[in-house]
PDB file of all heavy atoms in Angstrom:
ATOM      1  N   GLU A   1       6.541 -10.427 -44.414  1.00  0.00           N
ATOM      2  CA  GLU A   1       7.365 -11.481 -45.003  1.00  0.00           C
ATOM      3  C   GLU A   1       8.411 -10.874 -45.905  1.00  0.00           C
ATOM      4  O   GLU A   1       8.140  -9.950 -46.669  1.00  0.00           O
ATOM      5  CB  GLU A   1       6.441 -12.446 -45.808  1.00  0.00           C
ATOM      6  CG  GLU A   1       7.114 -13.738 -46.132  1.00  0.00           C
ATOM      7  CD  GLU A   1       6.134 -14.723 -46.698  1.00  0.00           C
ATOM      8  OE1 GLU A   1       5.015 -14.889 -46.074  1.00  0.00           O
ATOM      9  OE2 GLU A   1       6.390 -15.347 -47.689  1.00  0.00           O
ATOM     10  N   THR A   2       9.641 -11.380 -45.814  1.00  0.00           N
ATOM     11  CA  THR A   2      10.736 -10.846 -46.703  1.00  0.00           C
ATOM     12  C   THR A   2      10.848 -11.702 -47.944  1.00  0.00           C
ATOM     13  O   THR A   2      10.659 -12.881 -47.933  1.00  0.00           O
ATOM     14  CB  THR A   2      12.040 -10.806 -45.917  1.00  0.00           C
ATOM     15  OG1 THR A   2      12.383 -12.129 -45.444  1.00  0.00           O
ATOM     16  CG2 THR A   2      12.031  -9.869 -44.717  1.00  0.00           C
ATOM     17  N   SER A   3      11.251 -11.009 -49.014  1.00  0.00           N
ATOM     18  CA  SER A   3      11.445 -11.673 -50.282  1.00  0.00           C
ATOM     19  C   SER A   3      12.876 -12.277 -50.383  1.00  0.00           C
ATOM     20  O   SER A   3      13.724 -11.960 -49.566  1.00  0.00           O
ATOM     21  CB  SER A   3      11.237 -10.692 -51.413  1.00  0.00           C
ATOM     22  OG  SER A   3      12.304  -9.736 -51.429  1.00  0.00           O
ATOM     23  N   ALA A   4      13.092 -13.053 -51.443  1.00  0.00           N
ATOM     24  CA  ALA A   4      14.431 -13.607 -51.651  1.00  0.00           C
ATOM     25  C   ALA A   4      15.433 -12.504 -51.910  1.00  0.00           C
ATOM     26  O   ALA A   4      16.596 -12.615 -51.475  1.00  0.00           O
ATOM     27  CB  ALA A   4      14.348 -14.553 -52.864  1.00  0.00           C
ATOM     28  N   GLU A   5      15.022 -11.448 -52.621  1.00  0.00           N
ATOM     29  CA  GLU A   5      15.962 -10.334 -52.831  1.00  0.00           C
ATOM     30  C   GLU A   5      16.332  -9.628 -51.531  1.00  0.00           C
ATOM     31  O   GLU A   5      17.484  -9.251 -51.368  1.00  0.00           O
ATOM     32  CB  GLU A   5      15.299  -9.289 -53.796  1.00  0.00           C
ATOM     33  CG  GLU A   5      15.038  -9.812 -55.202  1.00  0.00           C
ATOM     34  CD  GLU A   5      13.667 -10.486 -55.337  1.00  0.00           C
ATOM     35  OE1 GLU A   5      12.842 -10.462 -54.365  1.00  0.00           O
ATOM     36  OE2 GLU A   5      13.362 -11.042 -56.426  1.00  0.00           O
ATOM     37  N   GLN A   6      15.391  -9.499 -50.659  1.00  0.00           N
ATOM     38  CA  GLN A   6      15.647  -8.899 -49.367  1.00  0.00           C
ATOM     39  C   GLN A   6      16.586  -9.744 -48.495  1.00  0.00           C
ATOM     40  O   GLN A   6      17.475  -9.256 -47.818  1.00  0.00           O
ATOM     41  CB  GLN A   6      14.355  -8.600 -48.586  1.00  0.00           C
ATOM     42  CG  GLN A   6      13.583  -7.463 -49.238  1.00  0.00           C
ATOM     43  CD  GLN A   6      12.216  -7.278 -48.634  1.00  0.00           C
ATOM     44  OE1 GLN A   6      11.466  -8.267 -48.430  1.00  0.00           O
ATOM     45  NE2 GLN A   6      11.839  -6.036 -48.385  1.00  0.00           N
ATOM     46  N   GLU A   7      16.393 -11.055 -48.567  1.00  0.00           N
ATOM     47  CA  GLU A   7      17.272 -11.967 -47.836  1.00  0.00           C
ATOM     48  C   GLU A   7      18.716 -11.899 -48.395  1.00  0.00           C
ATOM     49  O   GLU A   7      19.701 -11.886 -47.618  1.00  0.00           O
ATOM     50  CB  GLU A   7      16.713 -13.382 -47.858  1.00  0.00           C
ATOM     51  CG  GLU A   7      15.464 -13.620 -47.103  1.00  0.00           C
ATOM     52  CD  GLU A   7      15.599 -13.371 -45.638  1.00  0.00           C
ATOM     53  OE1 GLU A   7      16.714 -13.644 -45.060  1.00  0.00           O
ATOM     54  OE2 GLU A   7      14.637 -12.905 -45.019  1.00  0.00           O
ATOM     55  N   ALA A   8      18.802 -11.876 -49.730  1.00  0.00           N
ATOM     56  CA  ALA A   8      20.158 -11.814 -50.324  1.00  0.00           C
ATOM     57  C   ALA A   8      20.838 -10.486 -49.976  1.00  0.00           C
ATOM     58  O   ALA A   8      22.049 -10.467 -49.645  1.00  0.00           O
ATOM     59  CB  ALA A   8      20.045 -11.922 -51.862  1.00  0.00           C
ATOM     60  N   LEU A   9      20.088  -9.413 -49.949  1.00  0.00           N
ATOM     61  CA  LEU A   9      20.666  -8.086 -49.575  1.00  0.00           C
ATOM     62  C   LEU A   9      21.111  -8.112 -48.116  1.00  0.00           C
ATOM     63  O   LEU A   9      22.182  -7.632 -47.789  1.00  0.00           O
ATOM     64  CB  LEU A   9      19.651  -7.002 -49.794  1.00  0.00           C
ATOM     65  CG  LEU A   9      20.154  -5.582 -49.478  1.00  0.00           C
ATOM     66  CD1 LEU A   9      21.248  -5.169 -50.420  1.00  0.00           C
ATOM     67  CD2 LEU A   9      18.932  -4.615 -49.581  1.00  0.00           C
ATOM     68  N   THR A  10      20.332  -8.714 -47.237  1.00  0.00           N
ATOM     69  CA  THR A  10      20.695  -8.796 -45.819  1.00  0.00           C
ATOM     70  C   THR A  10      21.985  -9.592 -45.664  1.00  0.00           C
ATOM     71  O   THR A  10      22.859  -9.206 -44.836  1.00  0.00           O
ATOM     72  CB  THR A  10      19.535  -9.492 -45.005  1.00  0.00           C
ATOM     73  OG1 THR A  10      18.358  -8.707 -45.165  1.00  0.00           O
ATOM     74  CG2 THR A  10      19.913  -9.652 -43.557  1.00  0.00           C
ATOM     75  N   GLU A  11      22.160 -10.688 -46.361  1.00  0.00           N
ATOM     76  CA  GLU A  11      23.427 -11.451 -46.321  1.00  0.00           C
ATOM     77  C   GLU A  11      24.597 -10.629 -46.795  1.00  0.00           C
ATOM     78  O   GLU A  11      25.667 -10.650 -46.186  1.00  0.00           O
ATOM     79  CB  GLU A  11      23.275 -12.701 -47.141  1.00  0.00           C
ATOM     80  CG  GLU A  11      22.396 -13.770 -46.542  1.00  0.00           C
ATOM     81  CD  GLU A  11      22.205 -14.952 -47.436  1.00  0.00           C
ATOM     82  OE1 GLU A  11      23.117 -15.267 -48.226  1.00  0.00           O
ATOM     83  OE2 GLU A  11      21.161 -15.639 -47.325  1.00  0.00           O
ATOM     84  N   THR A  12      24.458  -9.878 -47.867  1.00  0.00           N
ATOM     85  CA  THR A  12      25.513  -9.034 -48.380  1.00  0.00           C
ATOM     86  C   THR A  12      25.868  -7.952 -47.360  1.00  0.00           C
ATOM     87  O   THR A  12      27.030  -7.628 -47.217  1.00  0.00           O
ATOM     88  CB  THR A  12      25.178  -8.401 -49.748  1.00  0.00           C
ATOM     89  OG1 THR A  12      24.912  -9.515 -50.624  1.00  0.00           O
ATOM     90  CG2 THR A  12      26.293  -7.589 -50.303  1.00  0.00           C
ATOM     91  N   VAL A  13      24.885  -7.345 -46.730  1.00  0.00           N
ATOM     92  CA  VAL A  13      25.120  -6.336 -45.704  1.00  0.00           C
ATOM     93  C   VAL A  13      26.021  -6.944 -44.574  1.00  0.00           C
ATOM     94  O   VAL A  13      26.990  -6.325 -44.164  1.00  0.00           O
ATOM     95  CB  VAL A  13      23.801  -5.790 -45.095  1.00  0.00           C
ATOM     96  CG1 VAL A  13      24.074  -5.023 -43.807  1.00  0.00           C
ATOM     97  CG2 VAL A  13      23.107  -4.952 -46.098  1.00  0.00           C
ATOM     98  N   SER A  14      25.702  -8.164 -44.157  1.00  0.00           N
ATOM     99  CA  SER A  14      26.494  -8.801 -43.127  1.00  0.00           C
ATOM    100  C   SER A  14      27.934  -9.096 -43.616  1.00  0.00           C
ATOM    101  O   SER A  14      28.889  -8.864 -42.852  1.00  0.00           O
ATOM    102  CB  SER A  14      25.877 -10.126 -42.719  1.00  0.00           C
ATOM    103  OG  SER A  14      24.641  -9.896 -42.076  1.00  0.00           O
ATOM    104  N   GLU A  15      28.070  -9.527 -44.850  1.00  0.00           N
ATOM    105  CA  GLU A  15      29.397  -9.776 -45.410  1.00  0.00           C
ATOM    106  C   GLU A  15      30.226  -8.453 -45.485  1.00  0.00           C
ATOM    107  O   GLU A  15      31.393  -8.443 -45.142  1.00  0.00           O
ATOM    108  CB  GLU A  15      29.302 -10.392 -46.790  1.00  0.00           C
ATOM    109  CG  GLU A  15      29.043 -11.835 -46.807  1.00  0.00           C
ATOM    110  CD  GLU A  15      29.060 -12.384 -48.221  1.00  0.00           C
ATOM    111  OE1 GLU A  15      30.107 -12.383 -48.850  1.00  0.00           O
ATOM    112  OE2 GLU A  15      27.960 -12.813 -48.709  1.00  0.00           O
ATOM    113  N   LEU A  16      29.581  -7.424 -46.025  1.00  0.00           N
ATOM    114  CA  LEU A  16      30.258  -6.140 -46.164  1.00  0.00           C
ATOM    115  C   LEU A  16      30.637  -5.522 -44.826  1.00  0.00           C
ATOM    116  O   LEU A  16      31.625  -4.873 -44.687  1.00  0.00           O
ATOM    117  CB  LEU A  16      29.431  -5.176 -47.001  1.00  0.00           C
ATOM    118  CG  LEU A  16      30.075  -3.868 -47.443  1.00  0.00           C
ATOM    119  CD1 LEU A  16      31.350  -4.136 -48.221  1.00  0.00           C
ATOM    120  CD2 LEU A  16      29.078  -3.072 -48.286  1.00  0.00           C
ATOM    121  N   ALA A  17      29.772  -5.766 -43.812  1.00  0.00           N
ATOM    122  CA  ALA A  17      30.103  -5.307 -42.472  1.00  0.00           C
ATOM    123  C   ALA A  17      31.392  -5.895 -41.964  1.00  0.00           C
ATOM    124  O   ALA A  17      32.169  -5.259 -41.231  1.00  0.00           O
ATOM    125  CB  ALA A  17      28.952  -5.612 -41.513  1.00  0.00           C
ATOM    126  N   GLY A  18      31.689  -7.139 -42.358  1.00  0.00           N
ATOM    127  CA  GLY A  18      32.925  -7.825 -41.916  1.00  0.00           C
ATOM    128  C   GLY A  18      34.164  -7.288 -42.631  1.00  0.00           C
ATOM    129  O   GLY A  18      35.252  -7.364 -42.093  1.00  0.00           O
ATOM    130  N   THR A  19      33.989  -6.790 -43.849  1.00  0.00           N
ATOM    131  CA  THR A  19      35.098  -6.217 -44.606  1.00  0.00           C
ATOM    132  C   THR A  19      34.612  -4.930 -45.294  1.00  0.00           C
ATOM    133  O   THR A  19      34.389  -4.901 -46.512  1.00  0.00           O
ATOM    134  CB  THR A  19      35.582  -7.219 -45.659  1.00  0.00           C
ATOM    135  OG1 THR A  19      34.535  -7.634 -46.473  1.00  0.00           O
ATOM    136  CG2 THR A  19      36.288  -8.386 -45.034  1.00  0.00           C
ATOM    137  N   PRO A  20      34.462  -3.842 -44.499  1.00  0.00           N
ATOM    138  CA  PRO A  20      33.838  -2.640 -45.034  1.00  0.00           C
ATOM    139  C   PRO A  20      34.554  -1.986 -46.234  1.00  0.00           C
ATOM    140  O   PRO A  20      33.928  -1.233 -46.985  1.00  0.00           O
ATOM    141  CB  PRO A  20      33.758  -1.680 -43.840  1.00  0.00           C
ATOM    142  CG  PRO A  20      34.643  -2.283 -42.846  1.00  0.00           C
ATOM    143  CD  PRO A  20      34.803  -3.717 -43.128  1.00  0.00           C
ATOM    144  N   GLY A  21      35.803  -2.232 -46.442  1.00  0.00           N
ATOM    145  CA  GLY A  21      36.565  -1.600 -47.551  1.00  0.00           C
ATOM    146  C   GLY A  21      36.535  -2.413 -48.790  1.00  0.00           C
ATOM    147  O   GLY A  21      37.160  -2.015 -49.802  1.00  0.00           O
ATOM    148  N   ASP A  22      35.818  -3.495 -48.837  1.00  0.00           N
ATOM    149  CA  ASP A  22      35.833  -4.424 -49.976  1.00  0.00           C
ATOM    150  C   ASP A  22      34.992  -3.841 -51.111  1.00  0.00           C
ATOM    151  O   ASP A  22      33.778  -3.815 -51.057  1.00  0.00           O
ATOM    152  CB  ASP A  22      35.274  -5.789 -49.570  1.00  0.00           C
ATOM    153  CG  ASP A  22      35.458  -6.862 -50.633  1.00  0.00           C
ATOM    154  OD1 ASP A  22      35.362  -6.547 -51.805  1.00  0.00           O
ATOM    155  OD2 ASP A  22      35.716  -8.004 -50.202  1.00  0.00           O
ATOM    156  N   ALA A  23      35.691  -3.359 -52.166  1.00  0.00           N
ATOM    157  CA  ALA A  23      35.027  -2.709 -53.341  1.00  0.00           C
ATOM    158  C   ALA A  23      34.157  -3.743 -54.088  1.00  0.00           C
ATOM    159  O   ALA A  23      33.109  -3.378 -54.604  1.00  0.00           O
ATOM    160  CB  ALA A  23      36.046  -2.101 -54.232  1.00  0.00           C
ATOM    161  N   ASP A  24      34.584  -5.002 -54.113  1.00  0.00           N
ATOM    162  CA  ASP A  24      33.788  -5.985 -54.824  1.00  0.00           C
ATOM    163  C   ASP A  24      32.428  -6.258 -54.136  1.00  0.00           C
ATOM    164  O   ASP A  24      31.416  -6.366 -54.718  1.00  0.00           O
ATOM    165  CB  ASP A  24      34.595  -7.306 -54.916  1.00  0.00           C
ATOM    166  CG  ASP A  24      35.804  -7.208 -55.834  1.00  0.00           C
ATOM    167  OD1 ASP A  24      35.754  -6.383 -56.743  1.00  0.00           O
ATOM    168  OD2 ASP A  24      36.740  -7.969 -55.614  1.00  0.00           O
ATOM    169  N   LEU A  25      32.486  -6.319 -52.787  1.00  0.00           N
ATOM    170  CA  LEU A  25      31.216  -6.510 -52.076  1.00  0.00           C
ATOM    171  C   LEU A  25      30.309  -5.250 -52.176  1.00  0.00           C
ATOM    172  O   LEU A  25      29.099  -5.383 -52.266  1.00  0.00           O
ATOM    173  CB  LEU A  25      31.477  -6.840 -50.618  1.00  0.00           C
ATOM    174  CG  LEU A  25      31.868  -8.268 -50.306  1.00  0.00           C
ATOM    175  CD1 LEU A  25      32.223  -8.440 -48.836  1.00  0.00           C
ATOM    176  CD2 LEU A  25      30.739  -9.220 -50.676  1.00  0.00           C
ATOM    177  N   ALA A  26      30.959  -4.082 -52.250  1.00  0.00           N
ATOM    178  CA  ALA A  26      30.131  -2.857 -52.417  1.00  0.00           C
ATOM    179  C   ALA A  26      29.453  -2.913 -53.825  1.00  0.00           C
ATOM    180  O   ALA A  26      28.323  -2.497 -53.930  1.00  0.00           O
ATOM    181  CB  ALA A  26      31.045  -1.644 -52.313  1.00  0.00           C
ATOM    182  N   ALA A  27      30.139  -3.428 -54.790  1.00  0.00           N
ATOM    183  CA  ALA A  27      29.552  -3.603 -56.118  1.00  0.00           C
ATOM    184  C   ALA A  27      28.375  -4.606 -56.098  1.00  0.00           C
ATOM    185  O   ALA A  27      27.330  -4.420 -56.702  1.00  0.00           O
ATOM    186  CB  ALA A  27      30.592  -4.007 -57.143  1.00  0.00           C
ATOM    187  N   VAL A  28      28.571  -5.695 -55.356  1.00  0.00           N
ATOM    188  CA  VAL A  28      27.521  -6.703 -55.197  1.00  0.00           C
ATOM    189  C   VAL A  28      26.311  -6.067 -54.504  1.00  0.00           C
ATOM    190  O   VAL A  28      25.196  -6.302 -54.892  1.00  0.00           O
ATOM    191  CB  VAL A  28      28.050  -7.929 -54.407  1.00  0.00           C
ATOM    192  CG1 VAL A  28      26.881  -8.847 -54.001  1.00  0.00           C
ATOM    193  CG2 VAL A  28      29.091  -8.692 -55.182  1.00  0.00           C
ATOM    194  N   LEU A  29      26.585  -5.253 -53.485  1.00  0.00           N
ATOM    195  CA  LEU A  29      25.509  -4.522 -52.776  1.00  0.00           C
ATOM    196  C   LEU A  29      24.709  -3.680 -53.773  1.00  0.00           C
ATOM    197  O   LEU A  29      23.459  -3.675 -53.780  1.00  0.00           O
ATOM    198  CB  LEU A  29      26.088  -3.665 -51.662  1.00  0.00           C
ATOM    199  CG  LEU A  29      25.064  -2.893 -50.853  1.00  0.00           C
ATOM    200  CD1 LEU A  29      24.251  -3.836 -49.956  1.00  0.00           C
ATOM    201  CD2 LEU A  29      25.762  -1.813 -50.030  1.00  0.00           C
ATOM    202  N   ARG A  30      25.396  -2.937 -54.644  1.00  0.00           N
ATOM    203  CA  ARG A  30      24.715  -2.096 -55.629  1.00  0.00           C
ATOM    204  C   ARG A  30      23.830  -2.924 -56.565  1.00  0.00           C
ATOM    205  O   ARG A  30      22.679  -2.558 -56.824  1.00  0.00           O
ATOM    206  CB  ARG A  30      25.751  -1.277 -56.375  1.00  0.00           C
ATOM    207  CG  ARG A  30      25.174  -0.283 -57.397  1.00  0.00           C
ATOM    208  CD  ARG A  30      26.166   0.546 -58.128  1.00  0.00           C
ATOM    209  NE  ARG A  30      27.154  -0.231 -58.829  1.00  0.00           N
ATOM    210  CZ  ARG A  30      28.451  -0.348 -58.430  1.00  0.00           C
ATOM    211  NH1 ARG A  30      28.897   0.216 -57.362  1.00  0.00           N
ATOM    212  NH2 ARG A  30      29.273  -1.073 -59.207  1.00  0.00           N
ATOM    213  N   VAL A  31      24.390  -4.049 -57.011  1.00  0.00           N
ATOM    214  CA  VAL A  31      23.618  -4.910 -57.880  1.00  0.00           C
ATOM    215  C   VAL A  31      22.370  -5.477 -57.182  1.00  0.00           C
ATOM    216  O   VAL A  31      21.287  -5.507 -57.766  1.00  0.00           O
ATOM    217  CB  VAL A  31      24.509  -6.063 -58.484  1.00  0.00           C
ATOM    218  CG1 VAL A  31      23.677  -7.113 -59.181  1.00  0.00           C
ATOM    219  CG2 VAL A  31      25.563  -5.506 -59.378  1.00  0.00           C
ATOM    220  N   GLN A  32      22.530  -5.856 -55.925  1.00  0.00           N
ATOM    221  CA  GLN A  32      21.424  -6.427 -55.199  1.00  0.00           C
ATOM    222  C   GLN A  32      20.360  -5.343 -54.916  1.00  0.00           C
ATOM    223  O   GLN A  32      19.151  -5.625 -54.908  1.00  0.00           O
ATOM    224  CB  GLN A  32      21.881  -7.102 -53.948  1.00  0.00           C
ATOM    225  CG  GLN A  32      22.542  -8.399 -54.264  1.00  0.00           C
ATOM    226  CD  GLN A  32      23.006  -9.197 -53.037  1.00  0.00           C
ATOM    227  OE1 GLN A  32      23.293  -8.569 -52.008  1.00  0.00           O
ATOM    228  NE2 GLN A  32      23.036 -10.468 -53.176  1.00  0.00           N
ATOM    229  N   ILE A  33      20.825  -4.099 -54.639  1.00  0.00           N
ATOM    230  CA  ILE A  33      19.848  -3.061 -54.418  1.00  0.00           C
ATOM    231  C   ILE A  33      19.043  -2.802 -55.722  1.00  0.00           C
ATOM    232  O   ILE A  33      17.831  -2.669 -55.703  1.00  0.00           O
ATOM    233  CB  ILE A  33      20.603  -1.708 -53.998  1.00  0.00           C
ATOM    234  CG1 ILE A  33      21.086  -1.848 -52.569  1.00  0.00           C
ATOM    235  CG2 ILE A  33      19.659  -0.495 -54.140  1.00  0.00           C
ATOM    236  CD1 ILE A  33      21.997  -0.736 -52.111  1.00  0.00           C
ATOM    237  N   ARG A  34      19.769  -2.838 -56.859  1.00  0.00           N
ATOM    238  CA  ARG A  34      19.076  -2.640 -58.132  1.00  0.00           C
ATOM    239  C   ARG A  34      18.079  -3.787 -58.413  1.00  0.00           C
ATOM    240  O   ARG A  34      16.940  -3.555 -58.816  1.00  0.00           O
ATOM    241  CB  ARG A  34      20.117  -2.572 -59.303  1.00  0.00           C
ATOM    242  CG  ARG A  34      19.508  -2.288 -60.617  1.00  0.00           C
ATOM    243  CD  ARG A  34      20.511  -2.172 -61.712  1.00  0.00           C
ATOM    244  NE  ARG A  34      21.058  -3.520 -61.962  1.00  0.00           N
ATOM    245  CZ  ARG A  34      22.361  -3.747 -62.237  1.00  0.00           C
ATOM    246  NH1 ARG A  34      23.237  -2.785 -62.233  1.00  0.00           N
ATOM    247  NH2 ARG A  34      22.758  -4.970 -62.454  1.00  0.00           N
ATOM    248  N   ARG A  35      18.493  -5.000 -58.148  1.00  0.00           N
ATOM    249  CA  ARG A  35      17.613  -6.159 -58.362  1.00  0.00           C
ATOM    250  C   ARG A  35      16.313  -6.079 -57.466  1.00  0.00           C
ATOM    251  O   ARG A  35      15.224  -6.329 -57.914  1.00  0.00           O
ATOM    252  CB  ARG A  35      18.295  -7.458 -58.117  1.00  0.00           C
ATOM    253  CG  ARG A  35      19.240  -7.874 -59.187  1.00  0.00           C
ATOM    254  CD  ARG A  35      19.913  -9.156 -58.893  1.00  0.00           C
ATOM    255  NE  ARG A  35      20.891  -9.510 -59.943  1.00  0.00           N
ATOM    256  CZ  ARG A  35      21.857 -10.357 -59.778  1.00  0.00           C
ATOM    257  NH1 ARG A  35      22.032 -10.998 -58.674  1.00  0.00           N
ATOM    258  NH2 ARG A  35      22.707 -10.576 -60.824  1.00  0.00           N
ATOM    259  N   LEU A  36      16.567  -5.704 -56.235  1.00  0.00           N
ATOM    260  CA  LEU A  36      15.472  -5.600 -55.269  1.00  0.00           C
ATOM    261  C   LEU A  36      14.485  -4.529 -55.679  1.00  0.00           C
ATOM    262  O   LEU A  36      13.284  -4.742 -55.716  1.00  0.00           O
ATOM    263  CB  LEU A  36      16.022  -5.322 -53.868  1.00  0.00           C
ATOM    264  CG  LEU A  36      14.966  -5.427 -52.748  1.00  0.00           C
ATOM    265  CD1 LEU A  36      15.619  -6.017 -51.515  1.00  0.00           C
ATOM    266  CD2 LEU A  36      14.363  -4.098 -52.473  1.00  0.00           C
ATOM    267  N   MET A  37      15.017  -3.348 -56.111  1.00  0.00           N
ATOM    268  CA  MET A  37      14.125  -2.299 -56.497  1.00  0.00           C
ATOM    269  C   MET A  37      13.398  -2.603 -57.838  1.00  0.00           C
ATOM    270  O   MET A  37      12.310  -2.155 -58.061  1.00  0.00           O
ATOM    271  CB  MET A  37      14.876  -0.974 -56.535  1.00  0.00           C
ATOM    272  CG  MET A  37      15.256  -0.479 -55.171  1.00  0.00           C
ATOM    273  SD  MET A  37      15.951   1.191 -55.135  1.00  0.00           S
ATOM    274  CE  MET A  37      17.354   1.023 -56.200  1.00  0.00           C
ATOM    275  N   THR A  38      14.033  -3.398 -58.697  1.00  0.00           N
ATOM    276  CA  THR A  38      13.384  -3.778 -59.916  1.00  0.00           C
ATOM    277  C   THR A  38      12.229  -4.757 -59.603  1.00  0.00           C
ATOM    278  O   THR A  38      11.137  -4.663 -60.172  1.00  0.00           O
ATOM    279  CB  THR A  38      14.388  -4.458 -60.866  1.00  0.00           C
ATOM    280  OG1 THR A  38      15.426  -3.504 -61.195  1.00  0.00           O
ATOM    281  CG2 THR A  38      13.720  -4.922 -62.151  1.00  0.00           C
ATOM    282  N   ALA A  39      12.470  -5.639 -58.670  1.00  0.00           N
ATOM    283  CA  ALA A  39      11.454  -6.606 -58.287  1.00  0.00           C
ATOM    284  C   ALA A  39      10.325  -5.954 -57.427  1.00  0.00           C
ATOM    285  O   ALA A  39       9.223  -6.476 -57.364  1.00  0.00           O
ATOM    286  CB  ALA A  39      12.077  -7.755 -57.506  1.00  0.00           C
TER     287      ALA A  39
END
């Protein structure tokens, strides 16, 4: 079973895949990785 943090990270991966050069989404990815690892 996946957690809410894992689902959020999966969504961000999909978004970043659509715009790979987006620095803002890369920052969101970093924050979500941090949140997931904290949880």
